[in-house]
């Protein structure tokens, strides 16, 4: 293994999913200026836009908003001239 390539500032950090408020404590070397109280102690806070508690792949709630009728009509009108009769 190579030496002196890993960061030395690993510490306990709280990650917070901003979309649903889910928080979890783990180790990280990421920089942050925010702090949060978690289980009676203060830890650095890293804000996330999405985590396993809110990502559609993990929650099983896929939300697809597709305008299929508009897409199909657009496709047909675009390639109408290539239809062989």
C-alpha atoms as a PDB file:
ATOM      1  CA  UNK A   1       0.000   0.000   0.000  1.00  0.00           C
ATOM      2  CA  UNK A   2       1.100   3.542  -0.658  1.00  0.00           C
ATOM      3  CA  UNK A   3       1.856   5.698   2.349  1.00  0.00           C
ATOM      4  CA  UNK A   4       1.022   9.353   2.952  1.00  0.00           C
ATOM      5  CA  UNK A   5      -1.827   9.515   0.392  1.00  0.00           C
ATOM      6  CA  UNK A   6      -4.814   9.454   2.751  1.00  0.00           C
ATOM      7  CA  UNK A   7      -6.079  12.544   4.577  1.00  0.00           C
ATOM      8  CA  UNK A   8      -5.271  12.744   8.269  1.00  0.00           C
ATOM      9  CA  UNK A   9      -8.190  14.940   9.297  1.00  0.00           C
ATOM     10  CA  UNK A  10     -10.869  12.229   9.525  1.00  0.00           C
ATOM     11  CA  UNK A  11     -13.430  13.126  12.154  1.00  0.00           C
ATOM     12  CA  UNK A  12     -17.035  12.395  13.014  1.00  0.00           C
ATOM     13  CA  UNK A  13     -19.391  14.433  10.832  1.00  0.00           C
ATOM     14  CA  UNK A  14     -23.180  14.641  10.551  1.00  0.00           C
ATOM     15  CA  UNK A  15     -24.641  14.439   7.054  1.00  0.00           C
ATOM     16  CA  UNK A  16     -28.121  15.934   6.624  1.00  0.00           C
ATOM     17  CA  UNK A  17     -30.428  15.302   3.672  1.00  0.00           C
ATOM     18  CA  UNK A  18     -32.001  18.713   3.080  1.00  0.00           C
ATOM     19  CA  UNK A  19     -34.953  17.278   1.127  1.00  0.00           C
ATOM     20  CA  UNK A  20     -36.355  15.286   4.059  1.00  0.00           C
ATOM     21  CA  UNK A  21     -34.274  16.155   7.151  1.00  0.00           C
ATOM     22  CA  UNK A  22     -32.705  12.693   7.578  1.00  0.00           C
ATOM     23  CA  UNK A  23     -29.386  12.888   9.461  1.00  0.00           C
ATOM     24  CA  UNK A  24     -26.654  10.325  10.029  1.00  0.00           C
ATOM     25  CA  UNK A  25     -23.268  10.328  11.735  1.00  0.00           C
ATOM     26  CA  UNK A  26     -20.155   8.972  10.046  1.00  0.00           C
ATOM     27  CA  UNK A  27     -16.503   9.799   9.532  1.00  0.00           C
ATOM     28  CA  UNK A  28     -15.366  12.187   6.831  1.00  0.00           C
ATOM     29  CA  UNK A  29     -12.510  14.469   5.862  1.00  0.00           C
ATOM     30  CA  UNK A  30     -14.750  16.905   3.939  1.00  0.00           C
ATOM     31  CA  UNK A  31     -14.499  20.574   4.882  1.00  0.00           C
ATOM     32  CA  UNK A  32     -17.491  22.451   6.252  1.00  0.00           C
ATOM     33  CA  UNK A  33     -18.260  25.660   8.116  1.00  0.00           C
ATOM     34  CA  UNK A  34     -21.602  24.553   9.590  1.00  0.00           C
ATOM     35  CA  UNK A  35     -22.192  22.749  12.884  1.00  0.00           C
ATOM     36  CA  UNK A  36     -25.163  20.843  14.275  1.00  0.00           C
ATOM     37  CA  UNK A  37     -26.097  19.277  17.598  1.00  0.00           C
ATOM     38  CA  UNK A  38     -26.616  15.535  17.256  1.00  0.00           C
ATOM     39  CA  UNK A  39     -27.383  13.272  20.233  1.00  0.00           C
ATOM     40  CA  UNK A  40     -26.308  15.976  22.671  1.00  0.00           C
ATOM     41  CA  UNK A  41     -22.934  16.693  21.037  1.00  0.00           C
ATOM     42  CA  UNK A  42     -21.900  19.253  18.437  1.00  0.00           C
ATOM     43  CA  UNK A  43     -20.502  17.982  15.142  1.00  0.00           C
ATOM     44  CA  UNK A  44     -19.569  19.513  11.780  1.00  0.00           C
ATOM     45  CA  UNK A  45     -22.525  19.444   9.367  1.00  0.00           C
ATOM     46  CA  UNK A  46     -22.427  18.525   5.700  1.00  0.00           C
ATOM     47  CA  UNK A  47     -25.640  19.264   3.786  1.00  0.00           C
ATOM     48  CA  UNK A  48     -26.775  16.859   1.077  1.00  0.00           C
ATOM     49  CA  UNK A  49     -29.348  17.426  -1.633  1.00  0.00           C
ATOM     50  CA  UNK A  50     -30.132  13.726  -1.869  1.00  0.00           C
ATOM     51  CA  UNK A  51     -29.312  10.598   0.135  1.00  0.00           C
ATOM     52  CA  UNK A  52     -30.401   6.977   0.230  1.00  0.00           C
ATOM     53  CA  UNK A  53     -33.517   8.053   2.182  1.00  0.00           C
ATOM     54  CA  UNK A  54     -34.704  10.329  -0.636  1.00  0.00           C
ATOM     55  CA  UNK A  55     -33.195   8.893  -3.843  1.00  0.00           C
ATOM     56  CA  UNK A  56     -35.848   7.210  -6.033  1.00  0.00           C
ATOM     57  CA  UNK A  57     -33.650   4.157  -6.656  1.00  0.00           C
ATOM     58  CA  UNK A  58     -33.482   3.347  -2.942  1.00  0.00           C
ATOM     59  CA  UNK A  59     -37.006   4.408  -1.993  1.00  0.00           C
ATOM     60  CA  UNK A  60     -38.691   2.621  -4.906  1.00  0.00           C
ATOM     61  CA  UNK A  61     -40.758   5.700  -5.701  1.00  0.00           C
ATOM     62  CA  UNK A  62     -39.795   6.651  -9.217  1.00  0.00           C
ATOM     63  CA  UNK A  63     -41.449   9.838 -10.355  1.00  0.00           C
ATOM     64  CA  UNK A  64     -41.438  10.157 -14.103  1.00  0.00           C
ATOM     65  CA  UNK A  65     -43.249  13.100 -15.594  1.00  0.00           C
ATOM     66  CA  UNK A  66     -43.313  12.364 -19.283  1.00  0.00           C
ATOM     67  CA  UNK A  67     -45.369  14.066 -21.933  1.00  0.00           C
ATOM     68  CA  UNK A  68     -45.680  10.907 -24.022  1.00  0.00           C
ATOM     69  CA  UNK A  69     -48.520  12.142 -26.192  1.00  0.00           C
ATOM     70  CA  UNK A  70     -46.614  15.266 -27.183  1.00  0.00           C
ATOM     71  CA  UNK A  71     -43.406  13.335 -27.794  1.00  0.00           C
ATOM     72  CA  UNK A  72     -45.090  10.727 -29.970  1.00  0.00           C
ATOM     73  CA  UNK A  73     -46.853  13.355 -32.091  1.00  0.00           C
ATOM     74  CA  UNK A  74     -43.616  15.294 -32.485  1.00  0.00           C
ATOM     75  CA  UNK A  75     -41.766  12.119 -33.519  1.00  0.00           C
ATOM     76  CA  UNK A  76     -44.443  11.155 -36.050  1.00  0.00           C
ATOM     77  CA  UNK A  77     -44.549  14.597 -37.620  1.00  0.00           C
ATOM     78  CA  UNK A  78     -40.746  14.768 -37.821  1.00  0.00           C
ATOM     79  CA  UNK A  79     -40.332  11.396 -39.519  1.00  0.00           C
ATOM     80  CA  UNK A  80     -43.556  11.371 -41.539  1.00  0.00           C
ATOM     81  CA  UNK A  81     -41.649  11.915 -44.769  1.00  0.00           C
ATOM     82  CA  UNK A  82     -39.645   8.677 -44.270  1.00  0.00           C
ATOM     83  CA  UNK A  83     -42.651   6.352 -44.012  1.00  0.00           C
ATOM     84  CA  UNK A  84     -42.647   3.819 -46.858  1.00  0.00           C
ATOM     85  CA  UNK A  85     -46.004   3.023 -48.361  1.00  0.00           C
END
